[in-house]
Amino acid sequence: MFGYVRPYKPELLVKELARYQSVYCGICKQIGRDYGQFPRLLLGYDLTLFAVLMLSMADDDTYERFEGCISNPIKRRPVLKGGEVLKQAAALTILMAYHKAKDNAQDEHPIMGRTAQLALTPAWRKAAHKYPGYEAILKNHLGRLKALEAGPPSFAAADIFGDLLAAIFAAAAPLATPDLMIQAGMERFGQHLGAWIYLVDAIDDREADCNNESWNPFSTFEPSDARVKARELLDYRETEMDRVAALLPYDRDAGILGNIVTVGLMAARETILEGRRLTKI
């Protein structure tokens, strides 16, 4: 996964950080239960926001339990358990990772991509069978993206990836609320989030893509101009996400969501634009 969508840790309350980590660890362990241990390595922060957003409004049956982890078996921390939201976040992790590996196999990283695709195939088949709707969304929109990337550089690619996340959020929204207006708001949030993820990933990869002569929407810009354009486009998406998120009726986790939308995305964006690498939370 991409890993750009994250809270800004210095401004999280201790209880908020613990809650965020419990959701993250909950998805990780759900992947292990449903798809095996290897795919747990693929979890990023992006789908943690998806899960936190759904859980913030859902009348779900999750609970927390203190457990260790294979990466740190001595230290025990709260881990979220149960509920359909975690199952869907786990499945989406597998489906997205598989399609990313498939794309790499066809493009700039054929050996690594084919290896990852082969390793993920059993888990992907299981996830696609359980959630065919998500698999259909990914195939449809990634096919559109592939066709666009066969032509000249275009920022329309960000809109397509936005459509992809909008469709995923729309499909998952009934988990959170039966209210159709709120579901529409969540779909709109997913649209801007998807476009933001695509753009920040593109500017992060710009130099490597230019060196490899790979497709990138910023490739026609000089480095300094590309950063200026990226900041403009990303700031717009962040503002729109903030506007939509402010209208959603959270029952819980408002502090985490507010931190990510108003501070975390901006901090990640500036880190990338300054040429630095994001670190683990």
C-alpha atoms as a PDB file:
ATOM      1  CA  MET A   1       0.000   0.000   0.000  1.00  0.00           C
ATOM      2  CA  PHE A   2       0.953   3.626  -0.289  1.00  0.00           C
ATOM      3  CA  GLY A   3       1.244   4.693   3.374  1.00  0.00           C
ATOM      4  CA  TYR A   4       0.764   8.440   2.859  1.00  0.00           C
ATOM      5  CA  VAL A   5      -2.558   8.741   4.716  1.00  0.00           C
ATOM      6  CA  ARG A   6      -1.623   8.990   8.372  1.00  0.00           C
ATOM      7  CA  PRO A   7      -2.224  11.022  11.519  1.00  0.00           C
ATOM      8  CA  TYR A   8       0.270  13.602  12.724  1.00  0.00           C
ATOM      9  CA  LYS A   9       1.481  11.824  15.832  1.00  0.00           C
ATOM     10  CA  PRO A  10       2.737  14.852  17.862  1.00  0.00           C
ATOM     11  CA  GLU A  11      -0.798  16.261  17.964  1.00  0.00           C
ATOM     12  CA  LEU A  12      -2.642  13.047  18.824  1.00  0.00           C
ATOM     13  CA  LEU A  13      -3.837  12.491  22.366  1.00  0.00           C
ATOM     14  CA  VAL A  14      -2.413   9.356  23.987  1.00  0.00           C
ATOM     15  CA  LYS A  15      -5.842   7.686  23.966  1.00  0.00           C
ATOM     16  CA  GLU A  16      -6.304   8.611  20.297  1.00  0.00           C
ATOM     17  CA  LEU A  17      -2.960   7.101  19.325  1.00  0.00           C
ATOM     18  CA  ALA A  18      -3.831   3.934  21.244  1.00  0.00           C
ATOM     19  CA  ARG A  19      -7.178   3.725  19.461  1.00  0.00           C
ATOM     20  CA  TYR A  20      -5.586   4.300  16.041  1.00  0.00           C
ATOM     21  CA  GLN A  21      -2.978   1.622  16.701  1.00  0.00           C
ATOM     22  CA  SER A  22      -5.651  -0.794  17.919  1.00  0.00           C
ATOM     23  CA  VAL A  23      -7.498  -0.413  14.593  1.00  0.00           C
ATOM     24  CA  TYR A  24      -4.262  -0.784  12.614  1.00  0.00           C
ATOM     25  CA  CYS A  25      -3.284  -3.905  14.582  1.00  0.00           C
ATOM     26  CA  GLY A  26      -6.838  -5.212  14.296  1.00  0.00           C
ATOM     27  CA  ILE A  27      -6.695  -5.079  10.497  1.00  0.00           C
ATOM     28  CA  CYS A  28      -3.260  -6.707  10.534  1.00  0.00           C
ATOM     29  CA  LYS A  29      -4.430  -9.623  12.680  1.00  0.00           C
ATOM     30  CA  GLN A  30      -7.629  -9.948  10.648  1.00  0.00           C
ATOM     31  CA  ILE A  31      -5.477 -10.383   7.532  1.00  0.00           C
ATOM     32  CA  GLY A  32      -3.571 -13.145   9.345  1.00  0.00           C
ATOM     33  CA  ARG A  33      -6.765 -14.940  10.330  1.00  0.00           C
ATOM     34  CA  ASP A  34      -8.397 -14.669   6.902  1.00  0.00           C
ATOM     35  CA  TYR A  35      -5.480 -14.834   4.457  1.00  0.00           C
ATOM     36  CA  GLY A  36      -2.344 -16.076   6.218  1.00  0.00           C
ATOM     37  CA  GLN A  37       0.686 -14.465   7.795  1.00  0.00           C
ATOM     38  CA  PHE A  38       2.661 -13.280   4.750  1.00  0.00           C
ATOM     39  CA  PRO A  39       0.046 -10.757   3.531  1.00  0.00           C
ATOM     40  CA  ARG A  40       0.178  -8.983   6.908  1.00  0.00           C
ATOM     41  CA  LEU A  41       3.423  -7.400   5.692  1.00  0.00           C
ATOM     42  CA  LEU A  42       1.442  -5.480   3.070  1.00  0.00           C
ATOM     43  CA  LEU A  43      -0.713  -3.433   5.434  1.00  0.00           C
ATOM     44  CA  GLY A  44      -0.308   0.339   5.178  1.00  0.00           C
ATOM     45  CA  TYR A  45      -1.904   3.290   6.916  1.00  0.00           C
ATOM     46  CA  ASP A  46      -4.338   4.195   4.131  1.00  0.00           C
ATOM     47  CA  LEU A  47      -6.935   1.540   4.914  1.00  0.00           C
ATOM     48  CA  THR A  48      -6.692   2.321   8.609  1.00  0.00           C
ATOM     49  CA  LEU A  49      -8.375   5.635   7.787  1.00  0.00           C
ATOM     50  CA  PHE A  50     -11.026   3.705   5.846  1.00  0.00           C
ATOM     51  CA  ALA A  51     -11.687   1.526   8.893  1.00  0.00           C
ATOM     52  CA  VAL A  52     -11.639   4.405  11.403  1.00  0.00           C
ATOM     53  CA  LEU A  53     -14.098   6.377   9.260  1.00  0.00           C
ATOM     54  CA  MET A  54     -16.502   3.445   8.933  1.00  0.00           C
ATOM     55  CA  LEU A  55     -16.222   2.578  12.624  1.00  0.00           C
ATOM     56  CA  SER A  56     -16.748   6.211  13.662  1.00  0.00           C
ATOM     57  CA  MET A  57     -20.397   6.001  12.610  1.00  0.00           C
ATOM     58  CA  ALA A  58     -21.107   2.273  12.675  1.00  0.00           C
ATOM     59  CA  ASP A  59     -23.131   0.446  15.277  1.00  0.00           C
ATOM     60  CA  ASP A  60     -20.636  -2.407  15.230  1.00  0.00           C
ATOM     61  CA  ASP A  61     -19.732  -5.307  17.492  1.00  0.00           C
ATOM     62  CA  THR A  62     -15.988  -4.729  17.806  1.00  0.00           C
ATOM     63  CA  TYR A  63     -14.098  -5.017  21.074  1.00  0.00           C
ATOM     64  CA  GLU A  64     -10.516  -4.538  22.219  1.00  0.00           C
ATOM     65  CA  ARG A  65      -8.185  -7.144  23.704  1.00  0.00           C
ATOM     66  CA  PHE A  66      -4.571  -6.814  24.817  1.00  0.00           C
ATOM     67  CA  GLU A  67      -2.289  -8.984  22.701  1.00  0.00           C
ATOM     68  CA  GLY A  68       1.302  -9.277  21.604  1.00  0.00           C
ATOM     69  CA  CYS A  69       2.518  -9.185  18.016  1.00  0.00           C
ATOM     70  CA  ILE A  70       4.888 -11.337  16.002  1.00  0.00           C
ATOM     71  CA  SER A  71       7.110  -8.265  15.522  1.00  0.00           C
ATOM     72  CA  ASN A  72       7.107  -7.522  19.277  1.00  0.00           C
ATOM     73  CA  PRO A  73       5.733 -10.518  21.224  1.00  0.00           C
ATOM     74  CA  ILE A  74       6.718  -9.166  24.652  1.00  0.00           C
ATOM     75  CA  LYS A  75       4.906  -5.826  24.494  1.00  0.00           C
ATOM     76  CA  ARG A  76       1.132  -6.179  24.706  1.00  0.00           C
ATOM     77  CA  ARG A  77      -1.175  -3.515  23.309  1.00  0.00           C
ATOM     78  CA  PRO A  78      -4.913  -3.145  22.635  1.00  0.00           C
ATOM     79  CA  VAL A  79      -6.040  -4.811  19.401  1.00  0.00           C
ATOM     80  CA  LEU A  80      -9.479  -4.287  17.879  1.00  0.00           C
ATOM     81  CA  LYS A  81     -11.419  -7.488  17.258  1.00  0.00           C
ATOM     82  CA  GLY A  82     -14.597  -8.507  15.465  1.00  0.00           C
ATOM     83  CA  GLY A  83     -16.932  -6.751  13.076  1.00  0.00           C
ATOM     84  CA  GLU A  84     -17.395  -6.576   9.323  1.00  0.00           C
ATOM     85  CA  VAL A  85     -15.394  -3.358   8.923  1.00  0.00           C
ATOM     86  CA  LEU A  86     -12.119  -5.075   9.833  1.00  0.00           C
ATOM     87  CA  LYS A  87     -12.910  -7.984   7.519  1.00  0.00           C
ATOM     88  CA  GLN A  88     -13.515  -5.664   4.586  1.00  0.00           C
ATOM     89  CA  ALA A  89     -10.410  -3.591   5.330  1.00  0.00           C
ATOM     90  CA  ALA A  90      -8.375  -6.805   5.403  1.00  0.00           C
ATOM     91  CA  ALA A  91      -9.844  -7.965   2.084  1.00  0.00           C
ATOM     92  CA  LEU A  92      -9.221  -4.585   0.466  1.00  0.00           C
ATOM     93  CA  THR A  93      -5.597  -4.742   1.598  1.00  0.00           C
ATOM     94  CA  ILE A  94      -5.190  -8.044  -0.252  1.00  0.00           C
ATOM     95  CA  LEU A  95      -7.061  -6.965  -3.377  1.00  0.00           C
ATOM     96  CA  MET A  96      -5.208  -3.670  -3.728  1.00  0.00           C
ATOM     97  CA  ALA A  97      -1.818  -5.240  -3.057  1.00  0.00           C
ATOM     98  CA  TYR A  98      -2.465  -7.935  -5.667  1.00  0.00           C
ATOM     99  CA  HIS A  99      -3.439  -5.444  -8.348  1.00  0.00           C
ATOM    100  CA  LYS A 100      -0.452  -3.250  -7.513  1.00  0.00           C
ATOM    101  CA  ALA A 101       1.822  -6.296  -7.870  1.00  0.00           C
ATOM    102  CA  LYS A 102       0.115  -7.162 -11.169  1.00  0.00           C
ATOM    103  CA  ASP A 103       0.692  -3.629 -12.438  1.00  0.00           C
ATOM    104  CA  ASN A 104       4.358  -3.774 -11.402  1.00  0.00           C
ATOM    105  CA  ALA A 105       4.738  -7.110 -13.177  1.00  0.00           C
ATOM    106  CA  GLN A 106       3.537  -5.523 -16.403  1.00  0.00           C
ATOM    107  CA  ASP A 107       5.557  -2.330 -16.094  1.00  0.00           C
ATOM    108  CA  GLU A 108       8.688  -1.129 -14.296  1.00  0.00           C
ATOM    109  CA  HIS A 109       9.315  -3.966 -11.802  1.00  0.00           C
ATOM    110  CA  PRO A 110       8.532  -7.207 -13.667  1.00  0.00           C
ATOM    111  CA  ILE A 111      10.501  -9.646 -11.499  1.00  0.00           C
ATOM    112  CA  MET A 112       9.408  -8.245  -8.145  1.00  0.00           C
ATOM    113  CA  GLY A 113       5.880  -7.761  -9.426  1.00  0.00           C
ATOM    114  CA  ARG A 114       5.506 -11.312 -10.715  1.00  0.00           C
ATOM    115  CA  THR A 115       6.970 -12.718  -7.505  1.00  0.00           C
ATOM    116  CA  ALA A 116       4.576 -10.721  -5.336  1.00  0.00           C
ATOM    117  CA  GLN A 117       1.642 -11.508  -7.609  1.00  0.00           C
ATOM    118  CA  LEU A 118       2.366 -15.230  -7.433  1.00  0.00           C
ATOM    119  CA  ALA A 119       2.719 -15.123  -3.639  1.00  0.00           C
ATOM    120  CA  LEU A 120      -0.547 -13.213  -3.261  1.00  0.00           C
ATOM    121  CA  THR A 121      -2.635 -15.273  -5.687  1.00  0.00           C
ATOM    122  CA  PRO A 122      -4.196 -17.667  -3.113  1.00  0.00           C
ATOM    123  CA  ALA A 123      -5.142 -14.796  -0.784  1.00  0.00           C
ATOM    124  CA  TRP A 124      -6.399 -12.704  -3.713  1.00  0.00           C
ATOM    125  CA  ARG A 125      -8.648 -15.508  -4.953  1.00  0.00           C
ATOM    126  CA  LYS A 126     -10.148 -15.878  -1.501  1.00  0.00           C
ATOM    127  CA  ALA A 127     -10.702 -12.129  -1.048  1.00  0.00           C
ATOM    128  CA  ALA A 128     -12.141 -11.727  -4.555  1.00  0.00           C
ATOM    129  CA  HIS A 129     -14.545 -14.615  -3.918  1.00  0.00           C
ATOM    130  CA  LYS A 130     -15.715 -13.114  -0.613  1.00  0.00           C
ATOM    131  CA  TYR A 131     -16.011  -9.553  -1.961  1.00  0.00           C
ATOM    132  CA  PRO A 132     -16.590  -9.693  -5.740  1.00  0.00           C
ATOM    133  CA  GLY A 133     -17.963  -6.153  -5.713  1.00  0.00           C
ATOM    134  CA  TYR A 134     -14.641  -4.703  -4.574  1.00  0.00           C
ATOM    135  CA  GLU A 135     -12.752  -6.812  -7.098  1.00  0.00           C
ATOM    136  CA  ALA A 136     -15.014  -5.555  -9.888  1.00  0.00           C
ATOM    137  CA  ILE A 137     -14.445  -1.931  -8.809  1.00  0.00           C
ATOM    138  CA  LEU A 138     -10.673  -2.391  -8.858  1.00  0.00           C
ATOM    139  CA  LYS A 139     -10.642  -4.120 -12.253  1.00  0.00           C
ATOM    140  CA  ASN A 140     -12.872  -1.498 -13.821  1.00  0.00           C
ATOM    141  CA  HIS A 141     -11.109   1.622 -12.603  1.00  0.00           C
ATOM    142  CA  LEU A 142      -7.565   0.283 -12.833  1.00  0.00           C
ATOM    143  CA  GLY A 143      -8.360  -0.726 -16.415  1.00  0.00           C
ATOM    144  CA  ARG A 144      -9.417   2.863 -17.116  1.00  0.00           C
ATOM    145  CA  LEU A 145      -6.237   4.100 -15.484  1.00  0.00           C
ATOM    146  CA  LYS A 146      -4.094   1.730 -17.539  1.00  0.00           C
ATOM    147  CA  ALA A 147      -5.690   2.981 -20.759  1.00  0.00           C
ATOM    148  CA  LEU A 148      -5.108   6.625 -19.820  1.00  0.00           C
ATOM    149  CA  GLU A 149      -1.486   5.960 -18.898  1.00  0.00           C
ATOM    150  CA  ALA A 150      -0.899   4.640 -22.417  1.00  0.00           C
ATOM    151  CA  GLY A 151      -1.259   8.224 -23.629  1.00  0.00           C
ATOM    152  CA  PRO A 152       0.410  11.535 -22.746  1.00  0.00           C
ATOM    153  CA  PRO A 153       0.781  12.644 -19.095  1.00  0.00           C
ATOM    154  CA  SER A 154      -2.513  13.850 -17.653  1.00  0.00           C
ATOM    155  CA  PHE A 155      -3.852  14.770 -14.217  1.00  0.00           C
ATOM    156  CA  ALA A 156      -7.088  13.021 -15.203  1.00  0.00           C
ATOM    157  CA  ALA A 157      -5.404   9.905 -13.801  1.00  0.00           C
ATOM    158  CA  ALA A 158      -5.934  11.309 -10.304  1.00  0.00           C
ATOM    159  CA  ASP A 159      -9.654  11.647 -10.999  1.00  0.00           C
ATOM    160  CA  ILE A 160      -9.838   8.007 -12.079  1.00  0.00           C
ATOM    161  CA  PHE A 161      -8.151   6.841  -8.891  1.00  0.00           C
ATOM    162  CA  GLY A 162     -10.525   9.137  -7.059  1.00  0.00           C
ATOM    163  CA  ASP A 163     -13.434   7.381  -8.787  1.00  0.00           C
ATOM    164  CA  LEU A 164     -11.992   4.070  -7.597  1.00  0.00           C
ATOM    165  CA  LEU A 165     -11.924   5.071  -3.929  1.00  0.00           C
ATOM    166  CA  ALA A 166     -15.289   6.811  -4.253  1.00  0.00           C
ATOM    167  CA  ALA A 167     -16.807   3.536  -5.463  1.00  0.00           C
ATOM    168  CA  ILE A 168     -15.168   1.604  -2.618  1.00  0.00           C
ATOM    169  CA  PHE A 169     -16.371   4.084  -0.001  1.00  0.00           C
ATOM    170  CA  ALA A 170     -19.859   4.037  -1.533  1.00  0.00           C
ATOM    171  CA  ALA A 171     -19.935   0.234  -1.393  1.00  0.00           C
ATOM    172  CA  ALA A 172     -18.777   0.216   2.239  1.00  0.00           C
ATOM    173  CA  ALA A 173     -20.863   3.178   3.458  1.00  0.00           C
ATOM    174  CA  PRO A 174     -23.931   1.076   4.439  1.00  0.00           C
ATOM    175  CA  LEU A 175     -21.695  -0.508   7.098  1.00  0.00           C
ATOM    176  CA  ALA A 176     -21.584   2.894   8.778  1.00  0.00           C
ATOM    177  CA  THR A 177     -25.053   4.337   8.219  1.00  0.00           C
ATOM    178  CA  PRO A 178     -28.354   3.734   6.422  1.00  0.00           C
ATOM    179  CA  ASP A 179     -28.659   7.478   5.711  1.00  0.00           C
ATOM    180  CA  LEU A 180     -28.277   7.988   1.948  1.00  0.00           C
ATOM    181  CA  MET A 181     -27.140  11.609   2.292  1.00  0.00           C
ATOM    182  CA  ILE A 182     -24.354  10.620   4.657  1.00  0.00           C
ATOM    183  CA  GLN A 183     -23.396   7.763   2.351  1.00  0.00           C
ATOM    184  CA  ALA A 184     -23.122  10.282  -0.496  1.00  0.00           C
ATOM    185  CA  GLY A 185     -20.837  12.411   1.661  1.00  0.00           C
ATOM    186  CA  MET A 186     -18.604   9.431   2.392  1.00  0.00           C
ATOM    187  CA  GLU A 187     -18.436   8.659  -1.333  1.00  0.00           C
ATOM    188  CA  ARG A 188     -17.404  12.265  -2.000  1.00  0.00           C
ATOM    189  CA  PHE A 189     -14.749  12.029   0.700  1.00  0.00           C
ATOM    190  CA  GLY A 190     -13.392   8.885  -0.974  1.00  0.00           C
ATOM    191  CA  GLN A 191     -13.227  10.698  -4.321  1.00  0.00           C
ATOM    192  CA  HIS A 192     -10.969  13.450  -2.988  1.00  0.00           C
ATOM    193  CA  LEU A 193      -8.925  11.023  -0.894  1.00  0.00           C
ATOM    194  CA  GLY A 194      -8.237   8.792  -3.895  1.00  0.00           C
ATOM    195  CA  ALA A 195      -7.152  11.742  -6.032  1.00  0.00           C
ATOM    196  CA  TRP A 196      -4.919  12.979  -3.201  1.00  0.00           C
ATOM    197  CA  ILE A 197      -3.252   9.574  -2.816  1.00  0.00           C
ATOM    198  CA  TYR A 198      -2.586   9.324  -6.544  1.00  0.00           C
ATOM    199  CA  LEU A 199      -1.108  12.808  -6.738  1.00  0.00           C
ATOM    200  CA  VAL A 200       1.149  12.529  -3.696  1.00  0.00           C
ATOM    201  CA  ASP A 201       2.393   9.131  -4.885  1.00  0.00           C
ATOM    202  CA  ALA A 202       3.048  10.581  -8.359  1.00  0.00           C
ATOM    203  CA  ILE A 203       5.098  13.522  -7.082  1.00  0.00           C
ATOM    204  CA  ASP A 204       6.966  11.179  -4.733  1.00  0.00           C
ATOM    205  CA  ASP A 205       7.867   8.912  -7.680  1.00  0.00           C
ATOM    206  CA  ARG A 206       8.457  11.695 -10.217  1.00  0.00           C
ATOM    207  CA  GLU A 207      12.258  11.606 -10.230  1.00  0.00           C
ATOM    208  CA  ALA A 208      12.470   7.811 -10.430  1.00  0.00           C
ATOM    209  CA  ASP A 209       9.781   7.675 -13.123  1.00  0.00           C
ATOM    210  CA  CYS A 210      11.561  10.315 -15.215  1.00  0.00           C
ATOM    211  CA  ASN A 211      14.864   8.441 -14.885  1.00  0.00           C
ATOM    212  CA  ASN A 212      13.158   5.204 -15.946  1.00  0.00           C
ATOM    213  CA  GLU A 213      11.087   6.920 -18.647  1.00  0.00           C
ATOM    214  CA  SER A 214       7.927   5.726 -16.888  1.00  0.00           C
ATOM    215  CA  TRP A 215       4.557   7.467 -17.145  1.00  0.00           C
ATOM    216  CA  ASN A 216       3.975  10.206 -14.564  1.00  0.00           C
ATOM    217  CA  PRO A 217       1.540  13.161 -14.694  1.00  0.00           C
ATOM    218  CA  PHE A 218       4.297  15.506 -13.471  1.00  0.00           C
ATOM    219  CA  SER A 219       6.923  14.375 -15.981  1.00  0.00           C
ATOM    220  CA  THR A 220       6.482  17.387 -18.287  1.00  0.00           C
ATOM    221  CA  PHE A 221       7.247  19.814 -15.444  1.00  0.00           C
ATOM    222  CA  GLU A 222      10.643  20.944 -14.230  1.00  0.00           C
ATOM    223  CA  PRO A 223      11.307  19.710 -10.648  1.00  0.00           C
ATOM    224  CA  SER A 224      10.541  23.037  -8.932  1.00  0.00           C
ATOM    225  CA  ASP A 225       7.448  23.628 -11.074  1.00  0.00           C
ATOM    226  CA  ALA A 226       6.245  20.083 -10.388  1.00  0.00           C
ATOM    227  CA  ARG A 227       6.417  20.703  -6.643  1.00  0.00           C
ATOM    228  CA  VAL A 228       4.498  23.954  -6.962  1.00  0.00           C
ATOM    229  CA  LYS A 229       1.794  22.280  -9.060  1.00  0.00           C
ATOM    230  CA  ALA A 230       1.614  19.291  -6.700  1.00  0.00           C
ATOM    231  CA  ARG A 231       1.191  21.542  -3.661  1.00  0.00           C
ATOM    232  CA  GLU A 232      -1.622  23.396  -5.420  1.00  0.00           C
ATOM    233  CA  LEU A 233      -3.474  20.215  -6.420  1.00  0.00           C
ATOM    234  CA  LEU A 234      -2.972  18.489  -3.076  1.00  0.00           C
ATOM    235  CA  ASP A 235      -4.022  21.532  -1.074  1.00  0.00           C
ATOM    236  CA  TYR A 236      -7.275  21.664  -3.038  1.00  0.00           C
ATOM    237  CA  ARG A 237      -8.055  18.020  -2.283  1.00  0.00           C
ATOM    238  CA  GLU A 238      -7.197  18.478   1.405  1.00  0.00           C
ATOM    239  CA  THR A 239      -9.540  21.470   1.636  1.00  0.00           C
ATOM    240  CA  GLU A 240     -12.378  19.538   0.007  1.00  0.00           C
ATOM    241  CA  MET A 241     -11.874  16.545   2.303  1.00  0.00           C
ATOM    242  CA  ASP A 242     -11.968  18.858   5.320  1.00  0.00           C
ATOM    243  CA  ARG A 243     -15.249  20.383   4.113  1.00  0.00           C
ATOM    244  CA  VAL A 244     -16.889  17.007   3.564  1.00  0.00           C
ATOM    245  CA  ALA A 245     -15.558  15.480   6.785  1.00  0.00           C
ATOM    246  CA  ALA A 246     -16.922  18.410   8.810  1.00  0.00           C
ATOM    247  CA  LEU A 247     -20.457  17.433   7.731  1.00  0.00           C
ATOM    248  CA  LEU A 248     -20.233  13.769   8.756  1.00  0.00           C
ATOM    249  CA  PRO A 249     -21.888  12.833  12.079  1.00  0.00           C
ATOM    250  CA  TYR A 250     -19.184  10.959  14.003  1.00  0.00           C
ATOM    251  CA  ASP A 251     -20.186   8.974  17.080  1.00  0.00           C
ATOM    252  CA  ARG A 252     -16.544   8.325  17.983  1.00  0.00           C
ATOM    253  CA  ASP A 253     -12.946   8.890  16.824  1.00  0.00           C
ATOM    254  CA  ALA A 254     -13.552  12.503  15.734  1.00  0.00           C
ATOM    255  CA  GLY A 255     -10.148  13.490  17.131  1.00  0.00           C
ATOM    256  CA  ILE A 256      -8.315  10.909  15.021  1.00  0.00           C
ATOM    257  CA  LEU A 257     -10.187  11.765  11.842  1.00  0.00           C
ATOM    258  CA  GLY A 258      -9.778  15.491  12.396  1.00  0.00           C
ATOM    259  CA  ASN A 259      -6.053  15.042  12.981  1.00  0.00           C
ATOM    260  CA  ILE A 260      -5.577  13.060   9.755  1.00  0.00           C
ATOM    261  CA  VAL A 261      -7.642  15.361   7.561  1.00  0.00           C
ATOM    262  CA  THR A 262      -6.496  18.743   8.882  1.00  0.00           C
ATOM    263  CA  VAL A 263      -2.910  18.027   9.944  1.00  0.00           C
ATOM    264  CA  GLY A 264      -1.729  14.562   8.929  1.00  0.00           C
ATOM    265  CA  LEU A 265      -2.270  14.847   5.188  1.00  0.00           C
ATOM    266  CA  MET A 266      -0.612  18.257   5.067  1.00  0.00           C
ATOM    267  CA  ALA A 267       2.381  17.015   7.083  1.00  0.00           C
ATOM    268  CA  ALA A 268       2.795  13.989   4.796  1.00  0.00           C
ATOM    269  CA  ARG A 269       2.492  16.201   1.723  1.00  0.00           C
ATOM    270  CA  GLU A 270       5.162  18.611   2.901  1.00  0.00           C
ATOM    271  CA  THR A 271       7.494  15.763   3.873  1.00  0.00           C
ATOM    272  CA  ILE A 272       7.264  14.354   0.348  1.00  0.00           C
ATOM    273  CA  LEU A 273       7.629  17.752  -1.343  1.00  0.00           C
ATOM    274  CA  GLU A 274      10.760  18.423   0.704  1.00  0.00           C
ATOM    275  CA  GLY A 275      12.276  15.196  -0.613  1.00  0.00           C
ATOM    276  CA  ARG A 276      12.217  13.366   2.721  1.00  0.00           C
ATOM    277  CA  ARG A 277      10.920   9.877   3.458  1.00  0.00           C
ATOM    278  CA  LEU A 278       7.941   9.177   5.670  1.00  0.00           C
ATOM    279  CA  THR A 279       8.747   7.229   8.816  1.00  0.00           C
ATOM    280  CA  LYS A 280       6.728   4.647  10.687  1.00  0.00           C
ATOM    281  CA  ILE A 281       4.187   6.013  13.140  1.00  0.00           C
END
